[in-house]
Amino acid sequence: MAWNWSSRGGGFPWMGVFLILIGIALLIQRAQPAISFSTLILLALGLAFGAAWLVGRSRGALIPAAVLLGLGGAGLARELEYVSGSGWNELFLGGALLVAWALGYLQHIRREWTLWVGGILVLIGFAQTSDRIAGLPDLEWLWPAAIIVVGVILLARSRTGSPRRRM
């Protein structure tokens, strides 16, 4: 029995890649105990999905790779004490979804929902972390206001009969 990630006529040995990455993660954890195994699992899974997308040409693997790498990256930054406080999961995850949207755009694959969700998450994360960035005021009020504005714009577009675009 072989574990493969099926993709266009061939297979990608994602389980083998994942096991190699888990082994590397365990070695990293021994050298750097501040990094949790759950963060390393997220990063290993994200890299395995990323390899399936990049090498195995599996189009559906990009979004899971982005989500897992975004969450794992936020955990890693927090555990290594590069960042502290709340908002970092949203910021990293939103950034990862924006990267997934940009890569889809370059490949002529429509993933507009990742642009919207990623943008909203970046806005939320930025607002929650703004009080820890020197020179910026606390912008915690910004994200609910921005979400309301986007909702009003979408409602107004639907009432004026503007053509709908699929997301």
N, C-alpha and C. Protein backbone atom coordinates (compact mmCIF):
# COMPACT_ATOMS: atom_id res chain seq x y z
N MET A 1 0.85 -1.19 0.00
CA MET A 1 0.00 0.00 0.00
C MET A 1 0.88 1.24 0.00
N ALA A 2 0.62 2.15 -0.91
CA ALA A 2 1.40 3.39 -0.99
C ALA A 2 0.52 4.57 -0.62
N TRP A 3 1.08 5.50 0.12
CA TRP A 3 0.38 6.73 0.47
C TRP A 3 0.81 7.79 -0.50
N ASN A 4 -0.10 8.25 -1.33
CA ASN A 4 0.20 9.27 -2.32
C ASN A 4 -0.81 10.39 -2.28
N TRP A 5 -0.38 11.54 -2.70
CA TRP A 5 -1.28 12.65 -2.93
C TRP A 5 -1.56 12.61 -4.42
N SER A 6 -2.76 12.23 -4.78
CA SER A 6 -3.09 12.10 -6.20
C SER A 6 -3.08 13.46 -6.87
N SER A 7 -2.45 13.50 -8.00
CA SER A 7 -2.44 14.71 -8.81
C SER A 7 -2.19 14.32 -10.25
N ARG A 8 -2.82 15.00 -11.14
CA ARG A 8 -2.72 14.83 -12.58
C ARG A 8 -1.85 13.69 -13.07
N GLY A 9 -2.39 12.52 -13.08
CA GLY A 9 -1.72 11.39 -13.69
C GLY A 9 -0.60 10.77 -12.88
N GLY A 10 -0.21 11.34 -11.81
CA GLY A 10 0.88 10.77 -11.03
C GLY A 10 0.56 10.89 -9.56
N GLY A 11 1.50 10.57 -8.76
CA GLY A 11 1.29 10.69 -7.33
C GLY A 11 2.45 11.44 -6.69
N PHE A 12 2.16 12.05 -5.58
CA PHE A 12 3.19 12.74 -4.83
C PHE A 12 3.33 12.03 -3.49
N PRO A 13 4.51 11.60 -3.13
CA PRO A 13 4.70 10.85 -1.88
C PRO A 13 4.66 11.76 -0.66
N TRP A 14 3.51 12.38 -0.42
CA TRP A 14 3.41 13.36 0.65
C TRP A 14 3.63 12.76 2.02
N MET A 15 3.26 11.50 2.21
CA MET A 15 3.47 10.87 3.53
C MET A 15 4.96 10.74 3.81
N GLY A 16 5.75 10.39 2.79
CA GLY A 16 7.20 10.32 2.96
C GLY A 16 7.79 11.67 3.30
N VAL A 17 7.33 12.71 2.60
CA VAL A 17 7.80 14.07 2.88
C VAL A 17 7.41 14.46 4.29
N PHE A 18 6.16 14.17 4.67
CA PHE A 18 5.68 14.52 6.01
C PHE A 18 6.51 13.82 7.09
N LEU A 19 6.80 12.53 6.91
CA LEU A 19 7.59 11.80 7.91
C LEU A 19 9.01 12.36 8.03
N ILE A 20 9.61 12.72 6.91
CA ILE A 20 10.94 13.34 6.95
C ILE A 20 10.87 14.66 7.72
N LEU A 21 9.83 15.45 7.44
CA LEU A 21 9.69 16.74 8.12
C LEU A 21 9.41 16.56 9.61
N ILE A 22 8.66 15.53 9.99
CA ILE A 22 8.41 15.26 11.42
C ILE A 22 9.72 14.88 12.10
N GLY A 23 10.52 14.05 11.44
CA GLY A 23 11.83 13.70 12.00
C GLY A 23 12.70 14.93 12.20
N ILE A 24 12.72 15.81 11.21
CA ILE A 24 13.48 17.05 11.32
C ILE A 24 12.93 17.90 12.47
N ALA A 25 11.57 17.95 12.58
CA ALA A 25 10.94 18.73 13.65
C ALA A 25 11.35 18.21 15.02
N LEU A 26 11.39 16.90 15.18
CA LEU A 26 11.80 16.33 16.46
C LEU A 26 13.25 16.69 16.79
N LEU A 27 14.12 16.70 15.78
CA LEU A 27 15.51 17.10 16.01
C LEU A 27 15.59 18.59 16.37
N ILE A 28 14.77 19.40 15.70
CA ILE A 28 14.75 20.83 16.02
C ILE A 28 14.28 21.04 17.45
N GLN A 29 13.25 20.28 17.86
CA GLN A 29 12.74 20.45 19.21
C GLN A 29 13.78 20.06 20.26
N ARG A 30 14.58 19.08 19.97
CA ARG A 30 15.64 18.70 20.92
C ARG A 30 16.67 19.82 21.04
N ALA A 31 16.95 20.48 19.93
CA ALA A 31 17.93 21.57 19.95
C ALA A 31 17.33 22.87 20.48
N GLN A 32 16.03 23.07 20.29
CA GLN A 32 15.36 24.30 20.71
C GLN A 32 14.05 23.93 21.43
N PRO A 33 14.14 23.57 22.72
CA PRO A 33 12.95 23.10 23.45
C PRO A 33 11.85 24.15 23.60
N ALA A 34 12.13 25.42 23.33
CA ALA A 34 11.09 26.45 23.44
C ALA A 34 10.01 26.29 22.37
N ILE A 35 10.34 25.59 21.29
CA ILE A 35 9.38 25.39 20.20
C ILE A 35 8.56 24.15 20.50
N SER A 36 7.25 24.31 20.54
CA SER A 36 6.37 23.18 20.87
C SER A 36 6.25 22.22 19.69
N PHE A 37 5.93 20.98 20.03
CA PHE A 37 5.76 19.97 19.00
C PHE A 37 4.54 20.29 18.13
N SER A 38 3.49 20.87 18.71
CA SER A 38 2.31 21.19 17.92
C SER A 38 2.62 22.25 16.86
N THR A 39 3.46 23.22 17.18
CA THR A 39 3.88 24.21 16.19
C THR A 39 4.69 23.55 15.09
N LEU A 40 5.57 22.65 15.47
CA LEU A 40 6.38 21.95 14.47
C LEU A 40 5.52 21.04 13.58
N ILE A 41 4.46 20.44 14.15
CA ILE A 41 3.54 19.62 13.34
C ILE A 41 2.83 20.50 12.31
N LEU A 42 2.34 21.67 12.75
CA LEU A 42 1.69 22.59 11.81
C LEU A 42 2.62 22.97 10.67
N LEU A 43 3.87 23.30 11.02
CA LEU A 43 4.84 23.68 10.00
C LEU A 43 5.17 22.50 9.08
N ALA A 44 5.33 21.30 9.65
CA ALA A 44 5.63 20.12 8.84
C ALA A 44 4.48 19.80 7.88
N LEU A 45 3.26 19.84 8.38
CA LEU A 45 2.10 19.61 7.51
C LEU A 45 2.01 20.68 6.43
N GLY A 46 2.24 21.94 6.81
CA GLY A 46 2.21 23.02 5.83
C GLY A 46 3.27 22.85 4.75
N LEU A 47 4.46 22.45 5.16
CA LEU A 47 5.53 22.21 4.17
C LEU A 47 5.22 21.02 3.28
N ALA A 48 4.60 19.97 3.85
CA ALA A 48 4.23 18.80 3.05
C ALA A 48 3.17 19.19 2.01
N PHE A 49 2.16 19.95 2.42
CA PHE A 49 1.16 20.42 1.46
C PHE A 49 1.80 21.37 0.45
N GLY A 50 2.72 22.21 0.91
CA GLY A 50 3.42 23.10 0.00
C GLY A 50 4.24 22.34 -1.04
N ALA A 51 4.88 21.27 -0.61
CA ALA A 51 5.64 20.44 -1.55
C ALA A 51 4.70 19.76 -2.54
N ALA A 52 3.54 19.31 -2.06
CA ALA A 52 2.56 18.69 -2.95
C ALA A 52 2.07 19.69 -3.99
N TRP A 53 1.93 20.95 -3.59
CA TRP A 53 1.51 21.98 -4.53
C TRP A 53 2.63 22.34 -5.50
N LEU A 54 3.83 22.55 -4.95
CA LEU A 54 4.94 23.03 -5.77
C LEU A 54 5.54 21.94 -6.65
N VAL A 55 5.83 20.80 -6.05
CA VAL A 55 6.50 19.72 -6.79
C VAL A 55 5.49 18.78 -7.43
N GLY A 56 4.46 18.41 -6.65
CA GLY A 56 3.46 17.46 -7.15
C GLY A 56 2.39 18.10 -8.01
N ARG A 57 2.41 19.43 -8.13
CA ARG A 57 1.47 20.18 -8.95
C ARG A 57 0.01 19.91 -8.59
N SER A 58 -0.25 19.74 -7.33
CA SER A 58 -1.61 19.55 -6.84
C SER A 58 -2.19 20.93 -6.51
N ARG A 59 -3.09 21.42 -7.34
CA ARG A 59 -3.63 22.78 -7.19
C ARG A 59 -4.36 22.97 -5.87
N GLY A 60 -4.99 21.91 -5.37
CA GLY A 60 -5.77 22.02 -4.14
C GLY A 60 -4.94 22.04 -2.87
N ALA A 61 -3.64 21.88 -2.98
CA ALA A 61 -2.80 21.82 -1.79
C ALA A 61 -2.32 23.19 -1.31
N LEU A 62 -2.49 24.22 -2.13
CA LEU A 62 -1.96 25.54 -1.76
C LEU A 62 -2.68 26.14 -0.55
N ILE A 63 -3.99 26.07 -0.52
CA ILE A 63 -4.74 26.69 0.58
C ILE A 63 -4.41 26.00 1.91
N PRO A 64 -4.45 24.66 2.00
CA PRO A 64 -4.04 24.04 3.28
C PRO A 64 -2.60 24.39 3.66
N ALA A 65 -1.72 24.46 2.67
CA ALA A 65 -0.32 24.83 2.95
C ALA A 65 -0.26 26.22 3.55
N ALA A 66 -0.98 27.16 2.96
CA ALA A 66 -0.95 28.54 3.44
C ALA A 66 -1.51 28.64 4.85
N VAL A 67 -2.65 28.00 5.10
CA VAL A 67 -3.27 28.06 6.42
C VAL A 67 -2.36 27.45 7.48
N LEU A 68 -1.83 26.27 7.21
CA LEU A 68 -0.98 25.59 8.19
C LEU A 68 0.32 26.35 8.42
N LEU A 69 0.93 26.86 7.35
CA LEU A 69 2.17 27.62 7.52
C LEU A 69 1.92 28.95 8.22
N GLY A 70 0.78 29.58 7.96
CA GLY A 70 0.45 30.82 8.65
C GLY A 70 0.29 30.61 10.15
N LEU A 71 -0.47 29.58 10.52
CA LEU A 71 -0.67 29.29 11.94
C LEU A 71 0.62 28.82 12.60
N GLY A 72 1.37 27.97 11.90
CA GLY A 72 2.65 27.50 12.44
C GLY A 72 3.65 28.63 12.57
N GLY A 73 3.68 29.54 11.60
CA GLY A 73 4.59 30.69 11.66
C GLY A 73 4.28 31.60 12.83
N ALA A 74 2.98 31.82 13.09
CA ALA A 74 2.60 32.65 14.24
C ALA A 74 3.01 31.98 15.54
N GLY A 75 2.80 30.67 15.64
CA GLY A 75 3.21 29.94 16.84
C GLY A 75 4.71 29.99 17.03
N LEU A 76 5.45 29.82 15.96
CA LEU A 76 6.91 29.85 16.04
C LEU A 76 7.41 31.23 16.48
N ALA A 77 6.86 32.28 15.89
CA ALA A 77 7.27 33.64 16.27
C ALA A 77 6.96 33.92 17.74
N ARG A 78 5.82 33.42 18.22
CA ARG A 78 5.45 33.63 19.63
C ARG A 78 6.35 32.82 20.55
N GLU A 79 6.61 31.56 20.20
CA GLU A 79 7.42 30.68 21.06
C GLU A 79 8.88 31.11 21.11
N LEU A 80 9.37 31.70 20.03
CA LEU A 80 10.74 32.21 20.03
C LEU A 80 10.82 33.64 20.56
N GLU A 81 9.67 34.14 21.01
CA GLU A 81 9.53 35.45 21.64
C GLU A 81 9.91 36.61 20.72
N TYR A 82 9.66 36.44 19.40
CA TYR A 82 9.80 37.56 18.48
C TYR A 82 8.59 38.47 18.58
N VAL A 83 7.44 37.89 18.96
CA VAL A 83 6.20 38.65 19.12
C VAL A 83 5.54 38.23 20.42
N SER A 84 4.64 39.07 20.91
CA SER A 84 3.87 38.72 22.11
C SER A 84 2.49 39.33 22.00
N GLY A 85 1.57 38.78 22.76
CA GLY A 85 0.22 39.31 22.79
C GLY A 85 -0.67 38.68 21.74
N SER A 86 -1.87 39.26 21.60
CA SER A 86 -2.85 38.70 20.68
C SER A 86 -2.77 39.37 19.31
N GLY A 87 -3.43 38.76 18.35
CA GLY A 87 -3.50 39.31 17.01
C GLY A 87 -2.54 38.71 16.01
N TRP A 88 -1.56 37.98 16.50
CA TRP A 88 -0.54 37.46 15.58
C TRP A 88 -1.05 36.30 14.75
N ASN A 89 -1.90 35.44 15.31
CA ASN A 89 -2.49 34.36 14.50
C ASN A 89 -3.25 34.95 13.32
N GLU A 90 -4.06 35.96 13.60
CA GLU A 90 -4.84 36.59 12.54
C GLU A 90 -3.94 37.24 11.49
N LEU A 91 -2.92 37.92 11.94
CA LEU A 91 -2.00 38.60 11.03
C LEU A 91 -1.25 37.60 10.14
N PHE A 92 -0.71 36.56 10.73
CA PHE A 92 0.03 35.56 9.95
C PHE A 92 -0.89 34.78 9.02
N LEU A 93 -2.06 34.37 9.53
CA LEU A 93 -3.01 33.61 8.71
C LEU A 93 -3.54 34.47 7.57
N GLY A 94 -3.88 35.72 7.86
CA GLY A 94 -4.34 36.61 6.81
C GLY A 94 -3.27 36.84 5.75
N GLY A 95 -2.03 37.05 6.20
CA GLY A 95 -0.93 37.21 5.25
C GLY A 95 -0.74 35.98 4.37
N ALA A 96 -0.86 34.80 4.97
CA ALA A 96 -0.72 33.56 4.21
C ALA A 96 -1.83 33.43 3.17
N LEU A 97 -3.05 33.81 3.53
CA LEU A 97 -4.16 33.75 2.57
C LEU A 97 -3.98 34.77 1.46
N LEU A 98 -3.41 35.94 1.77
CA LEU A 98 -3.14 36.92 0.73
C LEU A 98 -2.06 36.41 -0.24
N VAL A 99 -1.07 35.72 0.29
CA VAL A 99 -0.05 35.11 -0.57
C VAL A 99 -0.69 34.04 -1.46
N ALA A 100 -1.60 33.23 -0.88
CA ALA A 100 -2.30 32.20 -1.67
C ALA A 100 -3.12 32.85 -2.78
N TRP A 101 -3.78 33.98 -2.46
CA TRP A 101 -4.54 34.68 -3.49
C TRP A 101 -3.61 35.17 -4.61
N ALA A 102 -2.47 35.77 -4.22
CA ALA A 102 -1.53 36.30 -5.22
C ALA A 102 -0.98 35.18 -6.10
N LEU A 103 -0.65 34.05 -5.50
CA LEU A 103 -0.16 32.92 -6.30
C LEU A 103 -1.25 32.40 -7.23
N GLY A 104 -2.48 32.34 -6.74
CA GLY A 104 -3.59 31.94 -7.60
C GLY A 104 -3.80 32.92 -8.74
N TYR A 105 -3.67 34.20 -8.45
CA TYR A 105 -3.81 35.23 -9.48
C TYR A 105 -2.75 35.05 -10.57
N LEU A 106 -1.52 34.78 -10.14
CA LEU A 106 -0.44 34.57 -11.11
C LEU A 106 -0.66 33.32 -11.94
N GLN A 107 -1.33 32.33 -11.36
CA GLN A 107 -1.60 31.07 -12.07
C GLN A 107 -2.95 31.10 -12.79
N HIS A 108 -3.64 32.24 -12.74
CA HIS A 108 -4.97 32.39 -13.34
C HIS A 108 -5.99 31.44 -12.72
N ILE A 109 -5.89 31.29 -11.39
CA ILE A 109 -6.85 30.49 -10.63
C ILE A 109 -7.62 31.46 -9.74
N ARG A 110 -8.93 31.43 -9.84
CA ARG A 110 -9.76 32.36 -9.07
C ARG A 110 -9.89 31.87 -7.63
N ARG A 111 -9.38 32.68 -6.74
CA ARG A 111 -9.50 32.43 -5.30
C ARG A 111 -9.82 33.75 -4.61
N GLU A 112 -10.83 34.43 -5.07
CA GLU A 112 -11.11 35.76 -4.54
C GLU A 112 -11.50 35.74 -3.07
N TRP A 113 -12.07 34.64 -2.62
CA TRP A 113 -12.44 34.56 -1.19
C TRP A 113 -11.21 34.68 -0.32
N THR A 114 -10.04 34.17 -0.80
CA THR A 114 -8.83 34.28 0.02
C THR A 114 -8.37 35.73 0.14
N LEU A 115 -8.65 36.54 -0.90
CA LEU A 115 -8.33 37.96 -0.83
C LEU A 115 -9.18 38.64 0.25
N TRP A 116 -10.48 38.36 0.26
CA TRP A 116 -11.38 38.97 1.24
C TRP A 116 -11.07 38.50 2.65
N VAL A 117 -11.02 37.19 2.83
CA VAL A 117 -10.78 36.65 4.18
C VAL A 117 -9.40 37.04 4.66
N GLY A 118 -8.39 36.92 3.80
CA GLY A 118 -7.03 37.31 4.17
C GLY A 118 -6.93 38.78 4.53
N GLY A 119 -7.57 39.63 3.73
CA GLY A 119 -7.54 41.07 4.02
C GLY A 119 -8.21 41.40 5.34
N ILE A 120 -9.34 40.77 5.61
CA ILE A 120 -10.04 41.01 6.88
C ILE A 120 -9.19 40.53 8.05
N LEU A 121 -8.59 39.34 7.92
CA LEU A 121 -7.75 38.82 9.00
C LEU A 121 -6.52 39.69 9.24
N VAL A 122 -5.91 40.19 8.17
CA VAL A 122 -4.76 41.09 8.33
C VAL A 122 -5.19 42.36 9.04
N LEU A 123 -6.34 42.89 8.66
CA LEU A 123 -6.85 44.09 9.31
C LEU A 123 -7.11 43.85 10.80
N ILE A 124 -7.73 42.72 11.12
CA ILE A 124 -7.99 42.38 12.52
C ILE A 124 -6.67 42.21 13.28
N GLY A 125 -5.75 41.46 12.70
CA GLY A 125 -4.46 41.25 13.35
C GLY A 125 -3.68 42.54 13.53
N PHE A 126 -3.70 43.38 12.50
CA PHE A 126 -2.99 44.66 12.60
C PHE A 126 -3.59 45.53 13.69
N ALA A 127 -4.93 45.56 13.75
CA ALA A 127 -5.60 46.37 14.78
C ALA A 127 -5.27 45.84 16.18
N GLN A 128 -5.22 44.51 16.33
CA GLN A 128 -4.94 43.94 17.66
C GLN A 128 -3.49 44.08 18.08
N THR A 129 -2.58 44.18 17.13
CA THR A 129 -1.16 44.30 17.47
C THR A 129 -0.67 45.74 17.43
N SER A 130 -1.50 46.67 17.00
CA SER A 130 -1.06 48.06 16.81
C SER A 130 -0.56 48.71 18.09
N ASP A 131 -1.10 48.33 19.22
CA ASP A 131 -0.66 48.96 20.47
C ASP A 131 0.74 48.53 20.88
N ARG A 132 1.29 47.49 20.25
CA ARG A 132 2.64 47.04 20.56
C ARG A 132 3.67 47.50 19.52
N ILE A 133 3.22 48.26 18.53
CA ILE A 133 4.12 48.78 17.50
C ILE A 133 4.41 50.23 17.84
N ALA A 134 5.69 50.54 17.99
CA ALA A 134 6.09 51.90 18.40
C ALA A 134 5.57 52.94 17.43
N GLY A 135 4.99 53.99 17.99
CA GLY A 135 4.53 55.11 17.19
C GLY A 135 3.11 54.98 16.67
N LEU A 136 2.48 53.82 16.84
CA LEU A 136 1.10 53.65 16.37
C LEU A 136 0.13 53.70 17.55
N PRO A 137 -0.99 54.37 17.37
CA PRO A 137 -2.00 54.36 18.44
C PRO A 137 -2.73 53.01 18.44
N ASP A 138 -3.51 52.78 19.47
CA ASP A 138 -4.32 51.57 19.56
C ASP A 138 -5.43 51.66 18.52
N LEU A 139 -5.45 50.74 17.58
CA LEU A 139 -6.43 50.76 16.49
C LEU A 139 -7.46 49.64 16.63
N GLU A 140 -7.70 49.19 17.85
CA GLU A 140 -8.61 48.07 18.09
C GLU A 140 -10.01 48.34 17.52
N TRP A 141 -10.44 49.57 17.47
CA TRP A 141 -11.75 49.95 16.95
C TRP A 141 -11.83 49.81 15.44
N LEU A 142 -10.67 49.77 14.76
CA LEU A 142 -10.64 49.83 13.31
C LEU A 142 -11.26 48.62 12.63
N TRP A 143 -10.97 47.43 13.14
CA TRP A 143 -11.43 46.25 12.41
C TRP A 143 -12.94 46.08 12.43
N PRO A 144 -13.64 46.29 13.54
CA PRO A 144 -15.10 46.17 13.43
C PRO A 144 -15.70 47.22 12.49
N ALA A 145 -15.14 48.43 12.52
CA ALA A 145 -15.64 49.49 11.64
C ALA A 145 -15.39 49.13 10.18
N ALA A 146 -14.23 48.60 9.87
CA ALA A 146 -13.91 48.23 8.49
C ALA A 146 -14.80 47.08 8.00
N ILE A 147 -15.08 46.12 8.86
CA ILE A 147 -15.95 45.01 8.47
C ILE A 147 -17.36 45.52 8.18
N ILE A 148 -17.84 46.45 9.00
CA ILE A 148 -19.17 47.04 8.77
C ILE A 148 -19.18 47.78 7.43
N VAL A 149 -18.14 48.55 7.14
CA VAL A 149 -18.07 49.29 5.87
C VAL A 149 -18.09 48.34 4.68
N VAL A 150 -17.31 47.26 4.75
CA VAL A 150 -17.29 46.28 3.65
C VAL A 150 -18.67 45.65 3.49
N GLY A 151 -19.33 45.31 4.60
CA GLY A 151 -20.67 44.75 4.53
C GLY A 151 -21.66 45.70 3.89
N VAL A 152 -21.59 46.99 4.25
CA VAL A 152 -22.48 47.99 3.66
C VAL A 152 -22.22 48.11 2.16
N ILE A 153 -20.96 48.09 1.76
CA ILE A 153 -20.62 48.18 0.33
C ILE A 153 -21.19 46.98 -0.42
N LEU A 154 -21.05 45.79 0.14
CA LEU A 154 -21.58 44.60 -0.53
C LEU A 154 -23.10 44.64 -0.62
N LEU A 155 -23.75 45.11 0.43
CA LEU A 155 -25.22 45.24 0.38
C LEU A 155 -25.65 46.28 -0.65
N ALA A 156 -24.95 47.39 -0.69
CA ALA A 156 -25.28 48.45 -1.66
C ALA A 156 -25.09 47.95 -3.09
N ARG A 157 -24.05 47.20 -3.32
CA ARG A 157 -23.81 46.65 -4.67
C ARG A 157 -24.91 45.70 -5.08
N SER A 158 -25.40 44.91 -4.12
CA SER A 158 -26.44 43.94 -4.47
C SER A 158 -27.77 44.64 -4.74
N ARG A 159 -28.02 45.78 -4.13
CA ARG A 159 -29.28 46.52 -4.33
C ARG A 159 -29.27 47.33 -5.62
N THR A 160 -28.12 47.76 -6.08
CA THR A 160 -28.07 48.58 -7.29
C THR A 160 -28.08 47.74 -8.55
N GLY A 161 -28.09 46.44 -8.38
CA GLY A 161 -28.14 45.57 -9.55
C GLY A 161 -26.79 45.40 -10.22
N SER A 162 -25.72 45.74 -9.51
CA SER A 162 -24.39 45.53 -10.07
C SER A 162 -24.20 44.05 -10.36
N PRO A 163 -23.52 43.73 -11.44
CA PRO A 163 -23.31 42.32 -11.75
C PRO A 163 -22.56 41.62 -10.63
N ARG A 164 -23.04 40.45 -10.31
CA ARG A 164 -22.36 39.66 -9.26
C ARG A 164 -21.19 38.91 -9.85
N ARG A 165 -20.18 38.81 -9.05
CA ARG A 165 -19.02 38.00 -9.43
C ARG A 165 -18.92 36.87 -8.45
N ARG A 166 -18.64 35.70 -8.96
CA ARG A 166 -18.47 34.54 -8.08
C ARG A 166 -17.16 34.63 -7.35
N MET A 167 -17.20 34.21 -6.08
CA MET A 167 -15.96 34.21 -5.30
C MET A 167 -15.40 32.87 -5.30
